[in-house]
Structure formats: structure tokens, C-alpha cells
Amino acid sequence: MEINQGTAESASFTIIPVIGTVDGSNTSFIFSAEPKVITVDNIPKQKVSSDGTINWTGTTNVTLLIAPNFDIFGY
């Protein structure tokens, strides 16, 4: 969302389909398009956090820093 002169523009997200096994140890997933945000176990992550942490590598073939235990979604 971008804020401009005291007004907020709404943003919409489309879930990007992902292939891969969610089992708490698998960190490799294939997205149908490059995600801008990946939600792992209900925690949204950007590719690089504001503190410089790299949360995943790759574009559509993604390797996560931490494996999901429950779910993964791309936006």
C-alpha cells in the first residue's frame, strides 16, 4: 500500500499457486510466478527483510531460509 498526501490507496493480492511438500523440513518450493511476499505459517515475509535478512532465494524456484510447518502462500 502506498500512502500519498494523507490518503491510502488500497492494494489487492492474488495468491500465486505453489508446489512443494509442507513438512517442517522442506525448504524448496515452485511458484507459478515470482512472489513479492511469501507467507510462511501465517507470517508474511519479503525476500529481504528491513534488517537485511534474506528470507528466500530464487524467483519461481524458491528456497526458503526456514521450512514451513503448516502452510505457505505467495502473493
C-alpha atoms as a PDB file:
ATOM      1  CA  MET A   1       0.000   0.000   0.000  1.00  0.00           C
ATOM      2  CA  GLU A   2       1.299   3.432  -0.870  1.00  0.00           C
ATOM      3  CA  ILE A   3       0.330   6.470   1.185  1.00  0.00           C
ATOM      4  CA  ASN A   4       0.042   9.718  -0.723  1.00  0.00           C
ATOM      5  CA  GLN A   5      -0.885  13.118   0.762  1.00  0.00           C
ATOM      6  CA  GLY A   6      -2.837  11.695   3.684  1.00  0.00           C
ATOM      7  CA  THR A   7      -4.836   9.195   1.604  1.00  0.00           C
ATOM      8  CA  ALA A   8      -4.267   5.480   1.321  1.00  0.00           C
ATOM      9  CA  GLU A   9      -4.609   3.560  -1.905  1.00  0.00           C
ATOM     10  CA  SER A  10      -5.938   0.052  -1.485  1.00  0.00           C
ATOM     11  CA  ALA A  11      -3.862  -2.874  -2.610  1.00  0.00           C
ATOM     12  CA  SER A  12      -5.085  -6.275  -3.659  1.00  0.00           C
ATOM     13  CA  PHE A  13      -3.245  -9.568  -3.508  1.00  0.00           C
ATOM     14  CA  THR A  14      -3.631 -12.597  -5.719  1.00  0.00           C
ATOM     15  CA  ILE A  15      -2.417 -15.889  -4.298  1.00  0.00           C
ATOM     16  CA  ILE A  16       0.242 -17.483  -6.508  1.00  0.00           C
ATOM     17  CA  PRO A  17      -0.081 -21.281  -6.762  1.00  0.00           C
ATOM     18  CA  VAL A  18       2.815 -23.178  -5.167  1.00  0.00           C
ATOM     19  CA  ILE A  19       4.049 -26.766  -5.430  1.00  0.00           C
ATOM     20  CA  GLY A  20       6.006 -28.432  -2.661  1.00  0.00           C
ATOM     21  CA  THR A  21       5.682 -30.545   0.463  1.00  0.00           C
ATOM     22  CA  VAL A  22       4.985 -28.688   3.721  1.00  0.00           C
ATOM     23  CA  ASP A  23       6.503 -30.903   6.411  1.00  0.00           C
ATOM     24  CA  GLY A  24       8.705 -28.729   8.614  1.00  0.00           C
ATOM     25  CA  SER A  25      11.901 -29.717   6.795  1.00  0.00           C
ATOM     26  CA  ASN A  26      11.344 -28.990   3.066  1.00  0.00           C
ATOM     27  CA  THR A  27      12.568 -25.531   2.053  1.00  0.00           C
ATOM     28  CA  SER A  28      12.202 -25.865  -1.760  1.00  0.00           C
ATOM     29  CA  PHE A  29       9.004 -24.733  -3.494  1.00  0.00           C
ATOM     30  CA  ILE A  30       7.955 -23.909  -7.048  1.00  0.00           C
ATOM     31  CA  PHE A  31       5.655 -20.922  -7.655  1.00  0.00           C
ATOM     32  CA  SER A  32       3.785 -20.338 -10.915  1.00  0.00           C
ATOM     33  CA  ALA A  33       5.023 -16.705 -10.872  1.00  0.00           C
ATOM     34  CA  GLU A  34       7.620 -14.791  -8.874  1.00  0.00           C
ATOM     35  CA  PRO A  35       6.197 -13.888  -5.443  1.00  0.00           C
ATOM     36  CA  LYS A  36       6.751 -10.440  -3.924  1.00  0.00           C
ATOM     37  CA  VAL A  37       5.657 -11.688  -0.486  1.00  0.00           C
ATOM     38  CA  ILE A  38       5.617 -15.234   0.871  1.00  0.00           C
ATOM     39  CA  THR A  39       3.519 -16.075   3.916  1.00  0.00           C
ATOM     40  CA  VAL A  40       5.066 -18.938   5.876  1.00  0.00           C
ATOM     41  CA  ASP A  41       2.999 -20.337   8.771  1.00  0.00           C
ATOM     42  CA  ASN A  42       0.922 -17.120   8.820  1.00  0.00           C
ATOM     43  CA  ILE A  43       3.990 -14.823   8.883  1.00  0.00           C
ATOM     44  CA  PRO A  44       4.369 -12.626   5.777  1.00  0.00           C
ATOM     45  CA  LYS A  45       7.955 -12.204   4.586  1.00  0.00           C
ATOM     46  CA  GLN A  46       9.588 -10.096   1.929  1.00  0.00           C
ATOM     47  CA  LYS A  47      12.526 -11.551   0.021  1.00  0.00           C
ATOM     48  CA  VAL A  48      14.885  -9.345   2.057  1.00  0.00           C
ATOM     49  CA  SER A  49      13.773  -8.066   5.469  1.00  0.00           C
ATOM     50  CA  SER A  50      14.470  -4.484   6.568  1.00  0.00           C
ATOM     51  CA  ASP A  51      17.340  -5.787   8.751  1.00  0.00           C
ATOM     52  CA  GLY A  52      18.995  -7.383   5.699  1.00  0.00           C
ATOM     53  CA  THR A  53      17.908 -10.978   6.415  1.00  0.00           C
ATOM     54  CA  ILE A  54      17.422 -12.918   3.167  1.00  0.00           C
ATOM     55  CA  ASN A  55      14.234 -14.974   3.637  1.00  0.00           C
ATOM     56  CA  TRP A  56      14.412 -16.868   0.331  1.00  0.00           C
ATOM     57  CA  THR A  57      16.493 -17.225  -2.792  1.00  0.00           C
ATOM     58  CA  GLY A  58      15.296 -17.783  -6.347  1.00  0.00           C
ATOM     59  CA  THR A  59      12.457 -16.353  -8.405  1.00  0.00           C
ATOM     60  CA  THR A  60       9.890 -19.071  -9.150  1.00  0.00           C
ATOM     61  CA  ASN A  61      12.024 -21.973  -7.859  1.00  0.00           C
ATOM     62  CA  VAL A  62      12.341 -20.753  -4.286  1.00  0.00           C
ATOM     63  CA  THR A  63      14.499 -21.970  -1.416  1.00  0.00           C
ATOM     64  CA  LEU A  64      13.332 -20.638   1.952  1.00  0.00           C
ATOM     65  CA  LEU A  65      15.572 -19.847   4.901  1.00  0.00           C
ATOM     66  CA  ILE A  66      13.089 -21.572   7.263  1.00  0.00           C
ATOM     67  CA  ALA A  67      10.876 -24.527   6.294  1.00  0.00           C
ATOM     68  CA  PRO A  68       7.112 -24.120   6.841  1.00  0.00           C
ATOM     69  CA  ASN A  69       5.361 -26.439   9.303  1.00  0.00           C
ATOM     70  CA  PHE A  70       1.747 -25.689   8.334  1.00  0.00           C
ATOM     71  CA  ASP A  71       1.286 -23.607   5.183  1.00  0.00           C
ATOM     72  CA  ILE A  72       2.884 -21.415   2.551  1.00  0.00           C
ATOM     73  CA  PHE A  73       1.342 -18.838   0.219  1.00  0.00           C
ATOM     74  CA  GLY A  74       2.848 -16.481  -2.355  1.00  0.00           C
ATOM     75  CA  TYR A  75       1.489 -13.076  -3.386  1.00  0.00           C
END
